[in-house]
Amino acid sequence: MTRILLLLATGWSVVACGSQATTAAPAPDSGQTFRSAECNGVADADVTRAVGGTLFTRVVVNDAGCFWQENTALGDVELGMGLSTWWYRGSDLDTERSLERDTGRTITELEVNGNKGFQASDGNACSVYVAKGGDVITWSVQTVNPGKLPDLCAITGALAQLSQDRVN
């Protein structure tokens, strides 16, 4: 049952973040895209520092990003909420912004290390999207227990900044 919930949660995170068909990215040395790094340059210890504890466990690592599942359950059913980072090659901020706006989240424009982006938030989630060339990197946290965590947008903002420092 836990595996099914994890797969559903991971799929939901990708769909919620606007997953779409990708195209080949320009050569990494072109300076027009992000540099590739596991989990967009962020380690488990960085996540632990950002959330102030070990409430999340990394359960997915692949070429597109990573997912840390929230260690929260109702009885013996894990809730599948978590923290994720994804790298969308061949995407654009307008598509992601529209998808987030359609979910009813509040949109705030921002810039990280000279790259345009935005933050999308509601009471139980906060995502930060940053674009460079034809790439978008996103950091998102979704929880049913926002009171157990620091400000959700502070978490994703800190991780997005750290990621940008390492892959920009």
C-alpha atoms as a PDB file:
ATOM      1  CA  MET A   1       0.000   0.000   0.000  1.00  0.00           C
ATOM      2  CA  THR A   2       2.852   2.382   0.864  1.00  0.00           C
ATOM      3  CA  ARG A   3       4.459   1.861  -2.548  1.00  0.00           C
ATOM      4  CA  ILE A   4       1.179   2.586  -4.308  1.00  0.00           C
ATOM      5  CA  LEU A   5       0.708   5.804  -2.341  1.00  0.00           C
ATOM      6  CA  LEU A   6       4.303   6.823  -3.061  1.00  0.00           C
ATOM      7  CA  LEU A   7       3.850   6.232  -6.783  1.00  0.00           C
ATOM      8  CA  LEU A   8       0.592   8.165  -6.758  1.00  0.00           C
ATOM      9  CA  ALA A   9       2.171  11.015  -4.800  1.00  0.00           C
ATOM     10  CA  THR A  10       5.186  11.159  -7.077  1.00  0.00           C
ATOM     11  CA  GLY A  11       2.971  11.120 -10.154  1.00  0.00           C
ATOM     12  CA  TRP A  12       0.736  13.760  -8.599  1.00  0.00           C
ATOM     13  CA  SER A  13       3.747  15.975  -7.876  1.00  0.00           C
ATOM     14  CA  VAL A  14       4.897  15.756 -11.471  1.00  0.00           C
ATOM     15  CA  VAL A  15       1.388  16.424 -12.843  1.00  0.00           C
ATOM     16  CA  ALA A  16       0.768  19.216 -10.334  1.00  0.00           C
ATOM     17  CA  CYS A  17       4.007  20.856 -11.362  1.00  0.00           C
ATOM     18  CA  GLY A  18       3.021  20.798 -15.033  1.00  0.00           C
ATOM     19  CA  SER A  19       5.023  17.923 -16.426  1.00  0.00           C
ATOM     20  CA  GLN A  20       5.116  17.955 -20.191  1.00  0.00           C
ATOM     21  CA  ALA A  21       6.985  16.499 -23.123  1.00  0.00           C
ATOM     22  CA  THR A  22      10.607  17.543 -23.138  1.00  0.00           C
ATOM     23  CA  THR A  23      12.894  18.514 -25.955  1.00  0.00           C
ATOM     24  CA  ALA A  24      16.639  18.203 -26.189  1.00  0.00           C
ATOM     25  CA  ALA A  25      18.384  20.852 -24.149  1.00  0.00           C
ATOM     26  CA  PRO A  26      21.150  22.985 -25.648  1.00  0.00           C
ATOM     27  CA  ALA A  27      24.705  21.844 -24.953  1.00  0.00           C
ATOM     28  CA  PRO A  28      25.608  22.283 -21.269  1.00  0.00           C
ATOM     29  CA  ASP A  29      28.522  24.589 -22.102  1.00  0.00           C
ATOM     30  CA  SER A  30      26.265  27.031 -23.949  1.00  0.00           C
ATOM     31  CA  GLY A  31      25.519  28.926 -20.711  1.00  0.00           C
ATOM     32  CA  GLN A  32      21.849  28.998 -21.708  1.00  0.00           C
ATOM     33  CA  THR A  33      20.693  26.175 -19.442  1.00  0.00           C
ATOM     34  CA  PHE A  34      21.285  24.954 -15.920  1.00  0.00           C
ATOM     35  CA  ARG A  35      24.211  22.622 -15.197  1.00  0.00           C
ATOM     36  CA  SER A  36      23.076  19.099 -14.411  1.00  0.00           C
ATOM     37  CA  ALA A  37      23.471  17.871 -10.832  1.00  0.00           C
ATOM     38  CA  GLU A  38      21.720  15.204  -8.795  1.00  0.00           C
ATOM     39  CA  CYS A  39      18.679  16.682  -7.046  1.00  0.00           C
ATOM     40  CA  ASN A  40      19.486  20.007  -8.733  1.00  0.00           C
ATOM     41  CA  GLY A  41      22.558  20.355  -6.527  1.00  0.00           C
ATOM     42  CA  VAL A  42      20.870  19.865  -3.142  1.00  0.00           C
ATOM     43  CA  ALA A  43      21.758  17.041  -0.726  1.00  0.00           C
ATOM     44  CA  ASP A  44      19.702  15.383   2.012  1.00  0.00           C
ATOM     45  CA  ALA A  45      21.584  17.402   4.658  1.00  0.00           C
ATOM     46  CA  ASP A  46      20.523  20.635   2.910  1.00  0.00           C
ATOM     47  CA  VAL A  47      16.870  19.537   3.050  1.00  0.00           C
ATOM     48  CA  THR A  48      17.214  18.642   6.741  1.00  0.00           C
ATOM     49  CA  ARG A  49      18.625  22.117   7.484  1.00  0.00           C
ATOM     50  CA  ALA A  50      15.897  23.863   5.454  1.00  0.00           C
ATOM     51  CA  VAL A  51      13.030  22.058   7.206  1.00  0.00           C
ATOM     52  CA  GLY A  52      14.664  22.067  10.631  1.00  0.00           C
ATOM     53  CA  GLY A  53      14.710  18.296  11.110  1.00  0.00           C
ATOM     54  CA  THR A  54      14.405  14.886   9.524  1.00  0.00           C
ATOM     55  CA  LEU A  55      10.721  15.022   8.664  1.00  0.00           C
ATOM     56  CA  PHE A  56      11.465  14.083   5.024  1.00  0.00           C
ATOM     57  CA  THR A  57      13.184  11.020   3.532  1.00  0.00           C
ATOM     58  CA  ARG A  58      14.481  10.971  -0.050  1.00  0.00           C
ATOM     59  CA  VAL A  59      12.706   8.184  -1.911  1.00  0.00           C
ATOM     60  CA  VAL A  60      13.077   9.128  -5.600  1.00  0.00           C
ATOM     61  CA  VAL A  61      16.195  10.135  -7.516  1.00  0.00           C
ATOM     62  CA  ASN A  62      16.238  10.259 -11.312  1.00  0.00           C
ATOM     63  CA  ASP A  63      17.496  12.410 -14.180  1.00  0.00           C
ATOM     64  CA  ALA A  64      14.527  14.792 -13.858  1.00  0.00           C
ATOM     65  CA  GLY A  65      14.754  15.416 -10.112  1.00  0.00           C
ATOM     66  CA  CYS A  66      14.158  14.106  -6.619  1.00  0.00           C
ATOM     67  CA  PHE A  67      11.318  13.555  -4.139  1.00  0.00           C
ATOM     68  CA  TRP A  68      11.586  13.481  -0.349  1.00  0.00           C
ATOM     69  CA  GLN A  69       8.511  11.900   1.239  1.00  0.00           C
ATOM     70  CA  GLU A  70       7.100  13.448   4.394  1.00  0.00           C
ATOM     71  CA  ASN A  71       7.306  10.951   7.255  1.00  0.00           C
ATOM     72  CA  THR A  72       3.650  11.463   8.188  1.00  0.00           C
ATOM     73  CA  ALA A  73       0.982   8.800   8.458  1.00  0.00           C
ATOM     74  CA  LEU A  74      -2.599   8.278   9.544  1.00  0.00           C
ATOM     75  CA  GLY A  75      -2.427   4.951  11.301  1.00  0.00           C
ATOM     76  CA  ASP A  76      -0.243   2.820   9.036  1.00  0.00           C
ATOM     77  CA  VAL A  77      -1.151   4.689   5.808  1.00  0.00           C
ATOM     78  CA  GLU A  78       1.514   7.131   4.653  1.00  0.00           C
ATOM     79  CA  LEU A  79       0.071  10.364   3.292  1.00  0.00           C
ATOM     80  CA  GLY A  80       2.473  10.770   0.366  1.00  0.00           C
ATOM     81  CA  MET A  81       3.101  14.472   0.852  1.00  0.00           C
ATOM     82  CA  GLY A  82       6.606  15.758   0.447  1.00  0.00           C
ATOM     83  CA  LEU A  83       9.255  17.989  -0.961  1.00  0.00           C
ATOM     84  CA  SER A  84      10.434  17.773  -4.542  1.00  0.00           C
ATOM     85  CA  THR A  85      12.668  19.319  -7.145  1.00  0.00           C
ATOM     86  CA  TRP A  86      12.233  18.812 -10.878  1.00  0.00           C
ATOM     87  CA  TRP A  87      14.108  20.071 -13.916  1.00  0.00           C
ATOM     88  CA  TYR A  88      11.866  20.631 -16.948  1.00  0.00           C
ATOM     89  CA  ARG A  89      13.910  20.866 -20.129  1.00  0.00           C
ATOM     90  CA  GLY A  90      12.125  22.676 -22.928  1.00  0.00           C
ATOM     91  CA  SER A  91       9.526  24.250 -20.658  1.00  0.00           C
ATOM     92  CA  ASP A  92       8.579  27.832 -19.952  1.00  0.00           C
ATOM     93  CA  LEU A  93       7.436  29.849 -16.957  1.00  0.00           C
ATOM     94  CA  ASP A  94       4.172  30.943 -18.563  1.00  0.00           C
ATOM     95  CA  THR A  95       2.920  27.354 -18.824  1.00  0.00           C
ATOM     96  CA  GLU A  96       3.902  26.553 -15.234  1.00  0.00           C
ATOM     97  CA  ARG A  97       2.452  29.852 -13.971  1.00  0.00           C
ATOM     98  CA  SER A  98      -0.880  29.161 -15.688  1.00  0.00           C
ATOM     99  CA  LEU A  99      -1.083  25.669 -14.185  1.00  0.00           C
ATOM    100  CA  GLU A 100      -0.374  26.998 -10.690  1.00  0.00           C
ATOM    101  CA  ARG A 101      -2.830  29.868 -11.102  1.00  0.00           C
ATOM    102  CA  ASP A 102      -5.503  27.356 -12.185  1.00  0.00           C
ATOM    103  CA  THR A 103      -5.074  25.489  -8.877  1.00  0.00           C
ATOM    104  CA  GLY A 104      -5.904  28.696  -7.008  1.00  0.00           C
ATOM    105  CA  ARG A 105      -2.446  29.354  -5.626  1.00  0.00           C
ATOM    106  CA  THR A 106      -1.178  32.881  -5.036  1.00  0.00           C
ATOM    107  CA  ILE A 107       1.524  33.855  -7.561  1.00  0.00           C
ATOM    108  CA  THR A 108       4.439  36.133  -6.655  1.00  0.00           C
ATOM    109  CA  GLU A 109       7.063  37.064  -9.264  1.00  0.00           C
ATOM    110  CA  LEU A 110      10.721  36.761  -8.225  1.00  0.00           C
ATOM    111  CA  GLU A 111      14.279  36.571  -9.486  1.00  0.00           C
ATOM    112  CA  VAL A 112      17.022  34.207  -8.298  1.00  0.00           C
ATOM    113  CA  ASN A 113      20.652  34.758  -9.323  1.00  0.00           C
ATOM    114  CA  GLY A 114      19.533  36.809 -12.328  1.00  0.00           C
ATOM    115  CA  ASN A 115      16.989  34.209 -13.506  1.00  0.00           C
ATOM    116  CA  LYS A 116      13.294  35.053 -13.640  1.00  0.00           C
ATOM    117  CA  GLY A 117      10.836  32.958 -11.706  1.00  0.00           C
ATOM    118  CA  PHE A 118       7.794  32.930  -9.496  1.00  0.00           C
ATOM    119  CA  GLN A 119       6.462  31.505  -6.277  1.00  0.00           C
ATOM    120  CA  ALA A 120       3.069  29.760  -6.054  1.00  0.00           C
ATOM    121  CA  SER A 121       1.548  29.143  -2.629  1.00  0.00           C
ATOM    122  CA  ASP A 122      -1.465  28.241  -0.554  1.00  0.00           C
ATOM    123  CA  GLY A 123      -1.885  27.098   3.058  1.00  0.00           C
ATOM    124  CA  ASN A 124      -0.444  23.620   2.483  1.00  0.00           C
ATOM    125  CA  ALA A 125       2.026  24.105  -0.353  1.00  0.00           C
ATOM    126  CA  CYS A 126       4.638  26.418  -1.776  1.00  0.00           C
ATOM    127  CA  SER A 127       6.562  26.076  -5.023  1.00  0.00           C
ATOM    128  CA  VAL A 128       9.360  28.151  -6.511  1.00  0.00           C
ATOM    129  CA  TYR A 129       9.989  28.037 -10.265  1.00  0.00           C
ATOM    130  CA  VAL A 130      13.137  29.504 -11.851  1.00  0.00           C
ATOM    131  CA  ALA A 131      13.893  29.609 -15.607  1.00  0.00           C
ATOM    132  CA  LYS A 132      17.071  29.810 -17.640  1.00  0.00           C
ATOM    133  CA  GLY A 133      16.924  29.512 -21.404  1.00  0.00           C
ATOM    134  CA  GLY A 134      14.554  26.638 -22.193  1.00  0.00           C
ATOM    135  CA  ASP A 135      14.815  25.114 -18.720  1.00  0.00           C
ATOM    136  CA  VAL A 136      12.721  25.474 -15.584  1.00  0.00           C
ATOM    137  CA  ILE A 137      13.767  24.147 -12.177  1.00  0.00           C
ATOM    138  CA  THR A 138      11.109  23.906  -9.501  1.00  0.00           C
ATOM    139  CA  TRP A 139      11.180  23.296  -5.758  1.00  0.00           C
ATOM    140  CA  SER A 140       7.903  22.377  -4.090  1.00  0.00           C
ATOM    141  CA  VAL A 141       6.776  21.391  -0.612  1.00  0.00           C
ATOM    142  CA  GLN A 142       3.302  19.998   0.093  1.00  0.00           C
ATOM    143  CA  THR A 143       2.167  18.986   3.560  1.00  0.00           C
ATOM    144  CA  VAL A 144      -0.960  18.243   5.562  1.00  0.00           C
ATOM    145  CA  ASN A 145       0.883  19.539   8.657  1.00  0.00           C
ATOM    146  CA  PRO A 146       2.124  23.054   7.829  1.00  0.00           C
ATOM    147  CA  GLY A 147       2.294  23.864  11.556  1.00  0.00           C
ATOM    148  CA  LYS A 148       5.083  21.283  12.015  1.00  0.00           C
ATOM    149  CA  LEU A 149       7.349  23.094   9.564  1.00  0.00           C
ATOM    150  CA  PRO A 150       8.921  26.517   9.192  1.00  0.00           C
ATOM    151  CA  ASP A 151       7.205  28.813   6.675  1.00  0.00           C
ATOM    152  CA  LEU A 152       6.723  26.656   3.566  1.00  0.00           C
ATOM    153  CA  CYS A 153       7.887  29.381   1.181  1.00  0.00           C
ATOM    154  CA  ALA A 154      10.987  29.957   3.314  1.00  0.00           C
ATOM    155  CA  ILE A 155      11.846  26.272   2.809  1.00  0.00           C
ATOM    156  CA  THR A 156      11.416  26.289  -0.975  1.00  0.00           C
ATOM    157  CA  GLY A 157      13.010  29.716  -1.276  1.00  0.00           C
ATOM    158  CA  ALA A 158      16.124  28.588   0.611  1.00  0.00           C
ATOM    159  CA  LEU A 159      16.400  25.370  -1.420  1.00  0.00           C
ATOM    160  CA  ALA A 160      15.820  27.192  -4.711  1.00  0.00           C
ATOM    161  CA  GLN A 161      18.550  29.713  -3.834  1.00  0.00           C
ATOM    162  CA  LEU A 162      20.968  26.958  -2.831  1.00  0.00           C
ATOM    163  CA  SER A 163      20.174  25.041  -6.006  1.00  0.00           C
ATOM    164  CA  GLN A 164      20.701  28.134  -8.161  1.00  0.00           C
ATOM    165  CA  ASP A 165      24.024  28.803  -6.461  1.00  0.00           C
ATOM    166  CA  ARG A 166      25.130  25.313  -7.495  1.00  0.00           C
ATOM    167  CA  VAL A 167      23.651  24.765 -10.996  1.00  0.00           C
ATOM    168  CA  ASN A 168      23.279  28.248 -12.499  1.00  0.00           C
END
